């Protein structure tokens, strides 16, 4: 079974959400956006899969749920912009005056999933 993974190079955080339930993925996304913003990251790339389920059940996929949440986060000013393409979504974070060089890891977010 696939497991989620996270890589942080100090500018962009890449998060693979495979292996999580929709609820777990959404909880992790919310936490990553919060932490990455506080640490001054520029962007986040979420790998969520292509949502191959029936159109009747799209609202039950990580891709669909993530898209809905990102749209709301953009309206609330939590993210600067976002775009979905294929099995990924790229999120631009608001410009920050802070920069924390400490790498973000899944270990510090273990309570999320």
C-alpha atoms as a PDB file:
ATOM      1  CA  UNK A   1       0.000   0.000   0.000  1.00  0.00           C
ATOM      2  CA  UNK A   2       1.236   3.477  -0.864  1.00  0.00           C
ATOM      3  CA  UNK A   3       2.206   5.761   1.977  1.00  0.00           C
ATOM      4  CA  UNK A   4       2.152   9.550   2.013  1.00  0.00           C
ATOM      5  CA  UNK A   5       5.471  11.311   1.613  1.00  0.00           C
ATOM      6  CA  UNK A   6       6.735  14.865   2.001  1.00  0.00           C
ATOM      7  CA  UNK A   7       9.853  16.569   0.626  1.00  0.00           C
ATOM      8  CA  UNK A   8      10.831  20.147   1.470  1.00  0.00           C
ATOM      9  CA  UNK A   9      13.707  21.929  -0.302  1.00  0.00           C
ATOM     10  CA  UNK A  10      13.212  25.240   1.534  1.00  0.00           C
ATOM     11  CA  UNK A  11      11.157  26.828  -1.243  1.00  0.00           C
ATOM     12  CA  UNK A  12       8.686  24.182  -2.366  1.00  0.00           C
ATOM     13  CA  UNK A  13       7.061  21.402  -0.380  1.00  0.00           C
ATOM     14  CA  UNK A  14       6.044  18.296  -2.347  1.00  0.00           C
ATOM     15  CA  UNK A  15       3.406  16.111  -0.698  1.00  0.00           C
ATOM     16  CA  UNK A  16       2.251  12.763  -2.084  1.00  0.00           C
ATOM     17  CA  UNK A  17      -1.181  12.034  -0.613  1.00  0.00           C
ATOM     18  CA  UNK A  18      -1.453   8.455  -1.885  1.00  0.00           C
ATOM     19  CA  UNK A  19      -2.419   5.965   0.809  1.00  0.00           C
ATOM     20  CA  UNK A  20      -4.554   8.408   2.806  1.00  0.00           C
ATOM     21  CA  UNK A  21      -8.317   8.550   3.109  1.00  0.00           C
ATOM     22  CA  UNK A  22     -10.024  11.696   1.838  1.00  0.00           C
ATOM     23  CA  UNK A  23     -10.442  12.951   5.423  1.00  0.00           C
ATOM     24  CA  UNK A  24      -6.795  12.239   6.321  1.00  0.00           C
ATOM     25  CA  UNK A  25      -5.568  13.902   3.124  1.00  0.00           C
ATOM     26  CA  UNK A  26      -7.621  17.027   3.752  1.00  0.00           C
ATOM     27  CA  UNK A  27      -6.405  17.272   7.346  1.00  0.00           C
ATOM     28  CA  UNK A  28      -2.798  16.959   6.163  1.00  0.00           C
ATOM     29  CA  UNK A  29      -3.316  19.546   3.392  1.00  0.00           C
ATOM     30  CA  UNK A  30      -4.704  22.092   5.862  1.00  0.00           C
ATOM     31  CA  UNK A  31      -1.767  21.539   8.229  1.00  0.00           C
ATOM     32  CA  UNK A  32       0.860  21.684   5.456  1.00  0.00           C
ATOM     33  CA  UNK A  33      -0.561  24.965   4.110  1.00  0.00           C
ATOM     34  CA  UNK A  34      -0.456  26.429   7.628  1.00  0.00           C
ATOM     35  CA  UNK A  35       3.078  25.236   8.441  1.00  0.00           C
ATOM     36  CA  UNK A  36       4.548  26.016   5.002  1.00  0.00           C
ATOM     37  CA  UNK A  37       3.105  29.533   5.155  1.00  0.00           C
ATOM     38  CA  UNK A  38       4.544  30.130   8.627  1.00  0.00           C
ATOM     39  CA  UNK A  39       7.967  28.908   7.453  1.00  0.00           C
ATOM     40  CA  UNK A  40       8.033  31.134   4.393  1.00  0.00           C
ATOM     41  CA  UNK A  41       7.759  28.508   1.674  1.00  0.00           C
ATOM     42  CA  UNK A  42       6.775  29.752  -1.788  1.00  0.00           C
ATOM     43  CA  UNK A  43       4.731  26.835  -3.033  1.00  0.00           C
ATOM     44  CA  UNK A  44       3.340  23.380  -2.355  1.00  0.00           C
ATOM     45  CA  UNK A  45       2.879  20.600  -4.899  1.00  0.00           C
ATOM     46  CA  UNK A  46       0.232  18.067  -3.918  1.00  0.00           C
ATOM     47  CA  UNK A  47       0.248  14.712  -5.708  1.00  0.00           C
ATOM     48  CA  UNK A  48      -3.288  13.379  -5.296  1.00  0.00           C
ATOM     49  CA  UNK A  49      -3.964  10.985  -8.145  1.00  0.00           C
ATOM     50  CA  UNK A  50      -6.129  11.340 -11.204  1.00  0.00           C
ATOM     51  CA  UNK A  51      -9.472  10.398  -9.608  1.00  0.00           C
ATOM     52  CA  UNK A  52     -10.416   7.566 -11.884  1.00  0.00           C
ATOM     53  CA  UNK A  53     -13.686   6.890 -10.085  1.00  0.00           C
ATOM     54  CA  UNK A  54     -17.053   7.454 -11.727  1.00  0.00           C
ATOM     55  CA  UNK A  55     -18.136  11.052 -12.259  1.00  0.00           C
ATOM     56  CA  UNK A  56     -21.113  10.276 -10.017  1.00  0.00           C
ATOM     57  CA  UNK A  57     -18.704   9.797  -7.107  1.00  0.00           C
ATOM     58  CA  UNK A  58     -16.062  12.462  -7.848  1.00  0.00           C
ATOM     59  CA  UNK A  59     -16.950  14.289  -4.662  1.00  0.00           C
ATOM     60  CA  UNK A  60     -15.513  11.320  -2.768  1.00  0.00           C
ATOM     61  CA  UNK A  61     -12.008  11.644  -4.192  1.00  0.00           C
ATOM     62  CA  UNK A  62      -8.970  13.416  -2.788  1.00  0.00           C
ATOM     63  CA  UNK A  63      -8.616  15.395  -6.038  1.00  0.00           C
ATOM     64  CA  UNK A  64     -12.166  16.757  -5.885  1.00  0.00           C
ATOM     65  CA  UNK A  65     -12.078  17.472  -2.136  1.00  0.00           C
ATOM     66  CA  UNK A  66      -8.689  19.182  -2.450  1.00  0.00           C
ATOM     67  CA  UNK A  67      -9.929  21.353  -5.324  1.00  0.00           C
ATOM     68  CA  UNK A  68     -12.944  22.483  -3.298  1.00  0.00           C
ATOM     69  CA  UNK A  69     -10.799  23.272  -0.252  1.00  0.00           C
ATOM     70  CA  UNK A  70      -8.166  25.141  -2.295  1.00  0.00           C
ATOM     71  CA  UNK A  71     -10.865  27.274  -3.933  1.00  0.00           C
ATOM     72  CA  UNK A  72     -12.127  28.259  -0.478  1.00  0.00           C
ATOM     73  CA  UNK A  73      -8.580  28.823   0.829  1.00  0.00           C
ATOM     74  CA  UNK A  74      -7.907  31.139  -2.107  1.00  0.00           C
ATOM     75  CA  UNK A  75     -11.059  33.141  -1.369  1.00  0.00           C
ATOM     76  CA  UNK A  76     -10.046  33.359   2.308  1.00  0.00           C
ATOM     77  CA  UNK A  77      -6.541  34.552   1.403  1.00  0.00           C
ATOM     78  CA  UNK A  78      -4.812  31.492   2.870  1.00  0.00           C
ATOM     79  CA  UNK A  79      -3.157  30.779  -0.485  1.00  0.00           C
ATOM     80  CA  UNK A  80      -2.232  33.161  -3.306  1.00  0.00           C
ATOM     81  CA  UNK A  81      -3.338  30.914  -6.178  1.00  0.00           C
ATOM     82  CA  UNK A  82      -3.568  27.312  -7.293  1.00  0.00           C
ATOM     83  CA  UNK A  83      -3.859  25.189 -10.394  1.00  0.00           C
ATOM     84  CA  UNK A  84      -4.738  21.520 -10.853  1.00  0.00           C
ATOM     85  CA  UNK A  85      -3.226  19.542 -13.684  1.00  0.00           C
ATOM     86  CA  UNK A  86      -3.472  15.800 -14.160  1.00  0.00           C
ATOM     87  CA  UNK A  87      -2.795  14.056 -10.878  1.00  0.00           C
ATOM     88  CA  UNK A  88      -1.273  17.098  -9.136  1.00  0.00           C
ATOM     89  CA  UNK A  89      -2.203  20.511  -7.774  1.00  0.00           C
ATOM     90  CA  UNK A  90       0.304  23.346  -7.442  1.00  0.00           C
ATOM     91  CA  UNK A  91      -0.322  25.954  -4.751  1.00  0.00           C
ATOM     92  CA  UNK A  92       1.358  29.370  -4.546  1.00  0.00           C
ATOM     93  CA  UNK A  93       1.543  30.710  -1.005  1.00  0.00           C
ATOM     94  CA  UNK A  94       1.278  34.388  -0.066  1.00  0.00           C
ATOM     95  CA  UNK A  95       4.610  36.229   0.051  1.00  0.00           C
ATOM     96  CA  UNK A  96       6.105  36.029   3.522  1.00  0.00           C
ATOM     97  CA  UNK A  97       8.811  38.054   5.242  1.00  0.00           C
ATOM     98  CA  UNK A  98       9.820  35.038   7.312  1.00  0.00           C
ATOM     99  CA  UNK A  99      12.019  32.196   6.200  1.00  0.00           C
ATOM    100  CA  UNK A 100      12.606  29.231   8.472  1.00  0.00           C
ATOM    101  CA  UNK A 101      15.315  26.923   7.091  1.00  0.00           C
ATOM    102  CA  UNK A 102      14.123  23.970   9.196  1.00  0.00           C
ATOM    103  CA  UNK A 103      12.827  21.255   6.925  1.00  0.00           C
ATOM    104  CA  UNK A 104       9.151  20.388   7.229  1.00  0.00           C
ATOM    105  CA  UNK A 105       8.662  16.655   7.768  1.00  0.00           C
ATOM    106  CA  UNK A 106       5.780  14.236   8.154  1.00  0.00           C
ATOM    107  CA  UNK A 107       7.197  13.279  11.550  1.00  0.00           C
ATOM    108  CA  UNK A 108       6.236  16.648  13.008  1.00  0.00           C
ATOM    109  CA  UNK A 109       2.759  16.228  11.541  1.00  0.00           C
ATOM    110  CA  UNK A 110       2.193  12.624  12.648  1.00  0.00           C
ATOM    111  CA  UNK A 111      -0.918  13.504  14.652  1.00  0.00           C
ATOM    112  CA  UNK A 112      -2.589  14.404  11.353  1.00  0.00           C
ATOM    113  CA  UNK A 113      -2.723  10.892   9.956  1.00  0.00           C
END
